[in-house]
Amino acid sequence: MGTVIGDEESFGIFVDSASQKSLRWRVGTWHEGWLLDAVKPREVTLRRELDVMTLPMPQPGQFVEGAARPAPAATRTGGRIVRRAR
């Protein structure tokens, strides 16, 4: 859904696909084996062991169809997973 970047803490805002509830993960939060490693404007980086996943967030005002499920397509290169907008 988006990111919040502060001087002391930064967050990624997500929607749980099962419950449709909004989730706010602080950098350093673990969820289902993934660590929220970094938050940038409209981008988060998740890590699990050797895998790295970068998720772009929608631009302000941009509607993402089926926002409860990941909108970007994922591609895997070596030990990295890179997410790209469709």
PDB file of N, CA and C in Angstrom:
ATOM      1  N   MET A   1       0.823  -1.203   0.000  1.00  0.00           N
ATOM      2  CA  MET A   1       0.000   0.000   0.000  1.00  0.00           C
ATOM      3  C   MET A   1       0.856   1.251   0.000  1.00  0.00           C
ATOM      4  N   GLY A   2       1.910   1.283   0.851  1.00  0.00           N
ATOM      5  CA  GLY A   2       2.732   2.486   0.902  1.00  0.00           C
ATOM      6  C   GLY A   2       3.819   2.397   1.949  1.00  0.00           C
ATOM      7  N   THR A   3       4.538   3.496   2.117  1.00  0.00           N
ATOM      8  CA  THR A   3       5.619   3.571   3.090  1.00  0.00           C
ATOM      9  C   THR A   3       5.474   4.841   3.914  1.00  0.00           C
ATOM     10  N   VAL A   4       6.017   4.786   5.129  1.00  0.00           N
ATOM     11  CA  VAL A   4       6.099   5.949   6.011  1.00  0.00           C
ATOM     12  C   VAL A   4       7.545   6.018   6.466  1.00  0.00           C
ATOM     13  N   ILE A   5       8.193   7.138   6.196  1.00  0.00           N
ATOM     14  CA  ILE A   5       9.600   7.283   6.540  1.00  0.00           C
ATOM     15  C   ILE A   5       9.733   8.408   7.555  1.00  0.00           C
ATOM     16  N   GLY A   6      10.320   8.066   8.697  1.00  0.00           N
ATOM     17  CA  GLY A   6      10.513   9.040   9.757  1.00  0.00           C
ATOM     18  C   GLY A   6      11.972   9.145  10.141  1.00  0.00           C
ATOM     19  N   ASP A   7      12.290  10.121  10.991  1.00  0.00           N
ATOM     20  CA  ASP A   7      13.669  10.304  11.436  1.00  0.00           C
ATOM     21  C   ASP A   7      14.145   9.117  12.273  1.00  0.00           C
ATOM     22  N   GLU A   8      13.264   8.578  13.117  1.00  0.00           N
ATOM     23  CA  GLU A   8      13.660   7.495  14.019  1.00  0.00           C
ATOM     24  C   GLU A   8      13.126   6.131  13.607  1.00  0.00           C
ATOM     25  N   GLU A   9      11.969   6.073  12.945  1.00  0.00           N
ATOM     26  CA  GLU A   9      11.377   4.804  12.528  1.00  0.00           C
ATOM     27  C   GLU A   9      10.771   4.942  11.137  1.00  0.00           C
ATOM     28  N   SER A  10      10.808   3.823  10.402  1.00  0.00           N
ATOM     29  CA  SER A  10      10.166   3.777   9.090  1.00  0.00           C
ATOM     30  C   SER A  10       9.302   2.528   9.024  1.00  0.00           C
ATOM     31  N   PHE A  11       8.223   2.587   8.238  1.00  0.00           N
ATOM     32  CA  PHE A  11       7.247   1.512   8.166  1.00  0.00           C
ATOM     33  C   PHE A  11       6.876   1.214   6.720  1.00  0.00           C
ATOM     34  N   GLY A  12       6.477  -0.026   6.484  1.00  0.00           N
ATOM     35  CA  GLY A  12       5.810  -0.410   5.258  1.00  0.00           C
ATOM     36  C   GLY A  12       4.359  -0.693   5.610  1.00  0.00           C
ATOM     37  N   ILE A  13       3.424  -0.239   4.791  1.00  0.00           N
ATOM     38  CA  ILE A  13       1.997  -0.468   5.024  1.00  0.00           C
ATOM     39  C   ILE A  13       1.532  -1.490   3.988  1.00  0.00           C
ATOM     40  N   PHE A  14       0.951  -2.592   4.465  1.00  0.00           N
ATOM     41  CA  PHE A  14       0.531  -3.701   3.618  1.00  0.00           C
ATOM     42  C   PHE A  14      -0.912  -4.063   3.923  1.00  0.00           C
ATOM     43  N   VAL A  15      -1.540  -4.871   3.062  1.00  0.00           N
ATOM     44  CA  VAL A  15      -2.872  -5.418   3.313  1.00  0.00           C
ATOM     45  C   VAL A  15      -2.736  -6.934   3.359  1.00  0.00           C
ATOM     46  N   ASP A  16      -3.209  -7.543   4.443  1.00  0.00           N
ATOM     47  CA  ASP A  16      -3.207  -9.003   4.572  1.00  0.00           C
ATOM     48  C   ASP A  16      -4.262  -9.569   3.631  1.00  0.00           C
ATOM     49  N   SER A  17      -3.844 -10.464   2.733  1.00  0.00           N
ATOM     50  CA  SER A  17      -4.778 -10.970   1.718  1.00  0.00           C
ATOM     51  C   SER A  17      -5.874 -11.839   2.318  1.00  0.00           C
ATOM     52  N   ALA A  18      -5.618 -12.501   3.439  1.00  0.00           N
ATOM     53  CA  ALA A  18      -6.634 -13.363   4.053  1.00  0.00           C
ATOM     54  C   ALA A  18      -7.677 -12.563   4.819  1.00  0.00           C
ATOM     55  N   SER A  19      -7.216 -11.628   5.650  1.00  0.00           N
ATOM     56  CA  SER A  19      -8.139 -10.897   6.523  1.00  0.00           C
ATOM     57  C   SER A  19      -8.572  -9.550   5.965  1.00  0.00           C
ATOM     58  N   GLN A  20      -7.875  -9.059   4.920  1.00  0.00           N
ATOM     59  CA  GLN A  20      -8.122  -7.742   4.342  1.00  0.00           C
ATOM     60  C   GLN A  20      -7.798  -6.612   5.324  1.00  0.00           C
ATOM     61  N   LYS A  21      -7.048  -6.919   6.392  1.00  0.00           N
ATOM     62  CA  LYS A  21      -6.673  -5.903   7.380  1.00  0.00           C
ATOM     63  C   LYS A  21      -5.370  -5.234   6.972  1.00  0.00           C
ATOM     64  N   SER A  22      -5.263  -3.971   7.343  1.00  0.00           N
ATOM     65  CA  SER A  22      -4.056  -3.202   7.088  1.00  0.00           C
ATOM     66  C   SER A  22      -2.988  -3.610   8.108  1.00  0.00           C
ATOM     67  N   LEU A  23      -1.748  -3.792   7.630  1.00  0.00           N
ATOM     68  CA  LEU A  23      -0.624  -4.156   8.484  1.00  0.00           C
ATOM     69  C   LEU A  23       0.442  -3.072   8.390  1.00  0.00           C
ATOM     70  N   ARG A  24       0.980  -2.701   9.516  1.00  0.00           N
ATOM     71  CA  ARG A  24       2.064  -1.714   9.554  1.00  0.00           C
ATOM     72  C   ARG A  24       3.297  -2.410  10.116  1.00  0.00           C
ATOM     73  N   TRP A  25       4.296  -2.606   9.263  1.00  0.00           N
ATOM     74  CA  TRP A  25       5.528  -3.275   9.686  1.00  0.00           C
ATOM     75  C   TRP A  25       6.645  -2.257   9.803  1.00  0.00           C
ATOM     76  N   ARG A  26       7.275  -2.257  10.945  1.00  0.00           N
ATOM     77  CA  ARG A  26       8.439  -1.402  11.189  1.00  0.00           C
ATOM     78  C   ARG A  26       9.682  -2.104  10.626  1.00  0.00           C
ATOM     79  N   VAL A  27      10.677  -1.358  10.201  1.00  0.00           N
ATOM     80  CA  VAL A  27      11.938  -1.955   9.764  1.00  0.00           C
ATOM     81  C   VAL A  27      12.440  -2.846  10.897  1.00  0.00           C
ATOM     82  N   GLY A  28      12.813  -4.081  10.561  1.00  0.00           N
ATOM     83  CA  GLY A  28      13.251  -5.056  11.554  1.00  0.00           C
ATOM     84  C   GLY A  28      12.171  -6.049  11.946  1.00  0.00           C
ATOM     85  N   THR A  29      10.931  -5.866  11.427  1.00  0.00           N
ATOM     86  CA  THR A  29       9.818  -6.770  11.721  1.00  0.00           C
ATOM     87  C   THR A  29       9.915  -8.023  10.861  1.00  0.00           C
ATOM     88  N   TRP A  30       9.645  -9.183  11.487  1.00  0.00           N
ATOM     89  CA  TRP A  30       9.592 -10.466  10.770  1.00  0.00           C
ATOM     90  C   TRP A  30       8.146 -10.845  10.525  1.00  0.00           C
ATOM     91  N   HIS A  31       7.837 -11.406   9.338  1.00  0.00           N
ATOM     92  CA  HIS A  31       6.496 -11.905   9.021  1.00  0.00           C
ATOM     93  C   HIS A  31       6.644 -13.089   8.081  1.00  0.00           C
ATOM     94  N   GLU A  32       6.157 -14.245   8.503  1.00  0.00           N
ATOM     95  CA  GLU A  32       6.193 -15.469   7.696  1.00  0.00           C
ATOM     96  C   GLU A  32       7.583 -15.734   7.119  1.00  0.00           C
ATOM     97  N   GLY A  33       8.616 -15.541   7.942  1.00  0.00           N
ATOM     98  CA  GLY A  33       9.983 -15.822   7.534  1.00  0.00           C
ATOM     99  C   GLY A  33      10.697 -14.708   6.802  1.00  0.00           C
ATOM    100  N   TRP A  34      10.008 -13.603   6.520  1.00  0.00           N
ATOM    101  CA  TRP A  34      10.606 -12.468   5.814  1.00  0.00           C
ATOM    102  C   TRP A  34      10.872 -11.334   6.802  1.00  0.00           C
ATOM    103  N   LEU A  35      12.017 -10.686   6.660  1.00  0.00           N
ATOM    104  CA  LEU A  35      12.404  -9.534   7.465  1.00  0.00           C
ATOM    105  C   LEU A  35      12.208  -8.272   6.636  1.00  0.00           C
ATOM    106  N   LEU A  36      11.508  -7.280   7.198  1.00  0.00           N
ATOM    107  CA  LEU A  36      11.432  -5.977   6.524  1.00  0.00           C
ATOM    108  C   LEU A  36      12.765  -5.291   6.782  1.00  0.00           C
ATOM    109  N   ASP A  37      13.604  -5.271   5.758  1.00  0.00           N
ATOM    110  CA  ASP A  37      14.990  -4.838   5.893  1.00  0.00           C
ATOM    111  C   ASP A  37      15.179  -3.349   5.646  1.00  0.00           C
ATOM    112  N   ALA A  38      14.434  -2.783   4.705  1.00  0.00           N
ATOM    113  CA  ALA A  38      14.625  -1.370   4.362  1.00  0.00           C
ATOM    114  C   ALA A  38      13.329  -0.778   3.818  1.00  0.00           C
ATOM    115  N   VAL A  39      13.143   0.511   4.083  1.00  0.00           N
ATOM    116  CA  VAL A  39      11.997   1.256   3.561  1.00  0.00           C
ATOM    117  C   VAL A  39      12.527   2.515   2.897  1.00  0.00           C
ATOM    118  N   LYS A  40      12.143   2.707   1.649  1.00  0.00           N
ATOM    119  CA  LYS A  40      12.472   3.916   0.889  1.00  0.00           C
ATOM    120  C   LYS A  40      11.157   4.513   0.414  1.00  0.00           C
ATOM    121  N   PRO A  41      11.184   5.722  -0.121  1.00  0.00           N
ATOM    122  CA  PRO A  41       9.942   6.266  -0.664  1.00  0.00           C
ATOM    123  C   PRO A  41       9.363   5.319  -1.721  1.00  0.00           C
ATOM    124  N   ARG A  42       8.157   4.816  -1.469  1.00  0.00           N
ATOM    125  CA  ARG A  42       7.423   3.924  -2.375  1.00  0.00           C
ATOM    126  C   ARG A  42       8.172   2.639  -2.735  1.00  0.00           C
ATOM    127  N   GLU A  43       8.968   2.108  -1.772  1.00  0.00           N
ATOM    128  CA  GLU A  43       9.666   0.848  -2.009  1.00  0.00           C
ATOM    129  C   GLU A  43      10.081   0.234  -0.676  1.00  0.00           C
ATOM    130  N   VAL A  44       9.906  -1.074  -0.553  1.00  0.00           N
ATOM    131  CA  VAL A  44      10.403  -1.788   0.626  1.00  0.00           C
ATOM    132  C   VAL A  44      11.284  -2.943   0.162  1.00  0.00           C
ATOM    133  N   THR A  45      12.206  -3.346   1.015  1.00  0.00           N
ATOM    134  CA  THR A  45      13.067  -4.485   0.739  1.00  0.00           C
ATOM    135  C   THR A  45      12.862  -5.508   1.849  1.00  0.00           C
ATOM    136  N   LEU A  46      12.544  -6.749   1.436  1.00  0.00           N
ATOM    137  CA  LEU A  46      12.361  -7.859   2.354  1.00  0.00           C
ATOM    138  C   LEU A  46      13.484  -8.858   2.137  1.00  0.00           C
ATOM    139  N   ARG A  47      13.914  -9.538   3.216  1.00  0.00           N
ATOM    140  CA  ARG A  47      14.970 -10.555   3.132  1.00  0.00           C
ATOM    141  C   ARG A  47      14.532 -11.830   3.830  1.00  0.00           C
ATOM    142  N   ARG A  48      14.912 -12.961   3.233  1.00  0.00           N
ATOM    143  CA  ARG A  48      14.747 -14.272   3.866  1.00  0.00           C
ATOM    144  C   ARG A  48      15.948 -15.095   3.432  1.00  0.00           C
ATOM    145  N   GLU A  49      16.805 -15.390   4.392  1.00  0.00           N
ATOM    146  CA  GLU A  49      18.056 -16.095   4.135  1.00  0.00           C
ATOM    147  C   GLU A  49      18.799 -15.382   3.008  1.00  0.00           C
ATOM    148  N   LEU A  50      19.038 -16.032   1.876  1.00  0.00           N
ATOM    149  CA  LEU A  50      19.781 -15.401   0.779  1.00  0.00           C
ATOM    150  C   LEU A  50      18.891 -14.674  -0.216  1.00  0.00           C
ATOM    151  N   ASP A  51      17.574 -14.786  -0.056  1.00  0.00           N
ATOM    152  CA  ASP A  51      16.638 -14.129  -0.977  1.00  0.00           C
ATOM    153  C   ASP A  51      16.401 -12.688  -0.561  1.00  0.00           C
ATOM    154  N   VAL A  52      16.357 -11.820  -1.548  1.00  0.00           N
ATOM    155  CA  VAL A  52      16.038 -10.405  -1.350  1.00  0.00           C
ATOM    156  C   VAL A  52      14.895 -10.071  -2.293  1.00  0.00           C
ATOM    157  N   MET A  53      13.836  -9.442  -1.753  1.00  0.00           N
ATOM    158  CA  MET A  53      12.677  -9.073  -2.554  1.00  0.00           C
ATOM    159  C   MET A  53      12.446  -7.568  -2.411  1.00  0.00           C
ATOM    160  N   THR A  54      12.402  -6.872  -3.524  1.00  0.00           N
ATOM    161  CA  THR A  54      12.113  -5.444  -3.521  1.00  0.00           C
ATOM    162  C   THR A  54      10.695  -5.258  -4.045  1.00  0.00           C
ATOM    163  N   LEU A  55       9.853  -4.626  -3.232  1.00  0.00           N
ATOM    164  CA  LEU A  55       8.450  -4.403  -3.605  1.00  0.00           C
ATOM    165  C   LEU A  55       8.214  -2.921  -3.854  1.00  0.00           C
ATOM    166  N   PRO A  56       7.879  -2.545  -5.085  1.00  0.00           N
ATOM    167  CA  PRO A  56       7.504  -1.154  -5.334  1.00  0.00           C
ATOM    168  C   PRO A  56       6.088  -0.912  -4.804  1.00  0.00           C
ATOM    169  N   MET A  57       5.862   0.257  -4.284  1.00  0.00           N
ATOM    170  CA  MET A  57       4.546   0.647  -3.788  1.00  0.00           C
ATOM    171  C   MET A  57       3.900   1.568  -4.815  1.00  0.00           C
ATOM    172  N   PRO A  58       2.564   1.615  -4.839  1.00  0.00           N
ATOM    173  CA  PRO A  58       1.880   2.460  -5.827  1.00  0.00           C
ATOM    174  C   PRO A  58       2.157   3.937  -5.600  1.00  0.00           C
ATOM    175  N   GLN A  59       2.110   4.701  -6.676  1.00  0.00           N
ATOM    176  CA  GLN A  59       2.213   6.153  -6.587  1.00  0.00           C
ATOM    177  C   GLN A  59       0.994   6.686  -5.839  1.00  0.00           C
ATOM    178  N   PRO A  60       1.101   7.843  -5.183  1.00  0.00           N
ATOM    179  CA  PRO A  60      -0.063   8.418  -4.499  1.00  0.00           C
ATOM    180  C   PRO A  60      -1.249   8.542  -5.454  1.00  0.00           C
ATOM    181  N   GLY A  61      -2.404   8.084  -5.016  1.00  0.00           N
ATOM    182  CA  GLY A  61      -3.618   8.163  -5.820  1.00  0.00           C
ATOM    183  C   GLY A  61      -3.766   7.054  -6.839  1.00  0.00           C
ATOM    184  N   GLN A  62      -2.760   6.220  -7.000  1.00  0.00           N
ATOM    185  CA  GLN A  62      -2.817   5.126  -7.959  1.00  0.00           C
ATOM    186  C   GLN A  62      -3.569   3.961  -7.342  1.00  0.00           C
ATOM    187  N   PHE A  63      -4.575   3.447  -8.050  1.00  0.00           N
ATOM    188  CA  PHE A  63      -5.337   2.295  -7.582  1.00  0.00           C
ATOM    189  C   PHE A  63      -4.642   1.034  -8.062  1.00  0.00           C
ATOM    190  N   VAL A  64      -4.427   0.104  -7.144  1.00  0.00           N
ATOM    191  CA  VAL A  64      -3.832  -1.174  -7.502  1.00  0.00           C
ATOM    192  C   VAL A  64      -4.937  -2.211  -7.455  1.00  0.00           C
ATOM    193  N   GLU A  65      -5.289  -2.759  -8.623  1.00  0.00           N
ATOM    194  CA  GLU A  65      -6.343  -3.767  -8.697  1.00  0.00           C
ATOM    195  C   GLU A  65      -5.967  -4.948  -7.820  1.00  0.00           C
ATOM    196  N   GLY A  66      -6.907  -5.404  -6.983  1.00  0.00           N
ATOM    197  CA  GLY A  66      -6.642  -6.537  -6.096  1.00  0.00           C
ATOM    198  C   GLY A  66      -5.553  -6.228  -5.103  1.00  0.00           C
ATOM    199  N   ALA A  67      -5.601  -5.068  -4.488  1.00  0.00           N
ATOM    200  CA  ALA A  67      -4.526  -4.617  -3.599  1.00  0.00           C
ATOM    201  C   ALA A  67      -4.209  -5.604  -2.488  1.00  0.00           C
ATOM    202  N   ALA A  68      -5.128  -6.490  -2.170  1.00  0.00           N
ATOM    203  CA  ALA A  68      -4.866  -7.453  -1.113  1.00  0.00           C
ATOM    204  C   ALA A  68      -3.866  -8.511  -1.554  1.00  0.00           C
ATOM    205  N   ARG A  69      -3.696  -8.672  -2.849  1.00  0.00           N
ATOM    206  CA  ARG A  69      -2.691  -9.616  -3.338  1.00  0.00           C
ATOM    207  C   ARG A  69      -1.584  -8.811  -4.005  1.00  0.00           C
ATOM    208  N   PRO A  70      -0.357  -9.348  -4.064  1.00  0.00           N
ATOM    209  CA  PRO A  70       0.738  -8.573  -4.647  1.00  0.00           C
ATOM    210  C   PRO A  70       0.432  -8.179  -6.089  1.00  0.00           C
ATOM    211  N   ALA A  71       0.577  -6.909  -6.408  1.00  0.00           N
ATOM    212  CA  ALA A  71       0.333  -6.425  -7.754  1.00  0.00           C
ATOM    213  C   ALA A  71       1.521  -6.652  -8.680  1.00  0.00           C
ATOM    214  N   PRO A  72       2.772  -6.467  -8.196  1.00  0.00           N
ATOM    215  CA  PRO A  72       3.896  -6.645  -9.108  1.00  0.00           C
ATOM    216  C   PRO A  72       4.188  -8.108  -9.392  1.00  0.00           C
ATOM    217  N   ALA A  73       4.754  -8.361 -10.577  1.00  0.00           N
ATOM    218  CA  ALA A  73       5.197  -9.709 -10.919  1.00  0.00           C
ATOM    219  C   ALA A  73       6.606  -9.900 -10.374  1.00  0.00           C
ATOM    220  N   ALA A  74       6.951 -11.105  -9.973  1.00  0.00           N
ATOM    221  CA  ALA A  74       8.272 -11.368  -9.409  1.00  0.00           C
ATOM    222  C   ALA A  74       9.128 -12.115 -10.422  1.00  0.00           C
ATOM    223  N   THR A  75      10.381 -11.760 -10.468  1.00  0.00           N
ATOM    224  CA  THR A  75      11.337 -12.515 -11.266  1.00  0.00           C
ATOM    225  C   THR A  75      12.487 -12.902 -10.342  1.00  0.00           C
ATOM    226  N   ARG A  76      13.072 -14.046 -10.575  1.00  0.00           N
ATOM    227  CA  ARG A  76      14.144 -14.529  -9.721  1.00  0.00           C
ATOM    228  C   ARG A  76      15.435 -14.558 -10.526  1.00  0.00           C
ATOM    229  N   THR A  77      16.487 -13.965  -9.971  1.00  0.00           N
ATOM    230  CA  THR A  77      17.798 -13.981 -10.605  1.00  0.00           C
ATOM    231  C   THR A  77      18.805 -14.413  -9.557  1.00  0.00           C
ATOM    232  N   GLY A  78      19.361 -15.615  -9.700  1.00  0.00           N
ATOM    233  CA  GLY A  78      20.319 -16.119  -8.712  1.00  0.00           C
ATOM    234  C   GLY A  78      19.657 -16.217  -7.362  1.00  0.00           C
ATOM    235  N   GLY A  79      20.247 -15.614  -6.344  1.00  0.00           N
ATOM    236  CA  GLY A  79      19.704 -15.629  -4.996  1.00  0.00           C
ATOM    237  C   GLY A  79      18.774 -14.475  -4.723  1.00  0.00           C
ATOM    238  N   ARG A  80      18.454 -13.685  -5.744  1.00  0.00           N
ATOM    239  CA  ARG A  80      17.617 -12.500  -5.535  1.00  0.00           C
ATOM    240  C   ARG A  80      16.263 -12.659  -6.205  1.00  0.00           C
ATOM    241  N   ILE A  81      15.243 -12.110  -5.568  1.00  0.00           N
ATOM    242  CA  ILE A  81      13.937 -11.985  -6.182  1.00  0.00           C
ATOM    243  C   ILE A  81      13.692 -10.488  -6.348  1.00  0.00           C
ATOM    244  N   VAL A  82      13.418 -10.078  -7.551  1.00  0.00           N
ATOM    245  CA  VAL A  82      13.185  -8.656  -7.821  1.00  0.00           C
ATOM    246  C   VAL A  82      11.754  -8.520  -8.296  1.00  0.00           C
ATOM    247  N   ARG A  83      10.992  -7.641  -7.653  1.00  0.00           N
ATOM    248  CA  ARG A  83       9.613  -7.421  -8.043  1.00  0.00           C
ATOM    249  C   ARG A  83       9.555  -6.207  -8.951  1.00  0.00           C
ATOM    250  N   ARG A  84       8.782  -6.347 -10.021  1.00  0.00           N
ATOM    251  CA  ARG A  84       8.627  -5.254 -10.986  1.00  0.00           C
ATOM    252  C   ARG A  84       7.154  -5.006 -11.213  1.00  0.00           C
ATOM    253  N   ALA A  85       6.816  -3.742 -11.378  1.00  0.00           N
ATOM    254  CA  ALA A  85       5.418  -3.400 -11.673  1.00  0.00           C
ATOM    255  C   ALA A  85       5.039  -3.976 -13.026  1.00  0.00           C
ATOM    256  N   ARG A  86       3.765  -4.372 -13.158  1.00  0.00           N
ATOM    257  CA  ARG A  86       3.283  -4.935 -14.431  1.00  0.00           C
ATOM    258  C   ARG A  86       3.121  -3.883 -15.471  1.00  0.00           C
TER     259      ARG A  86
END
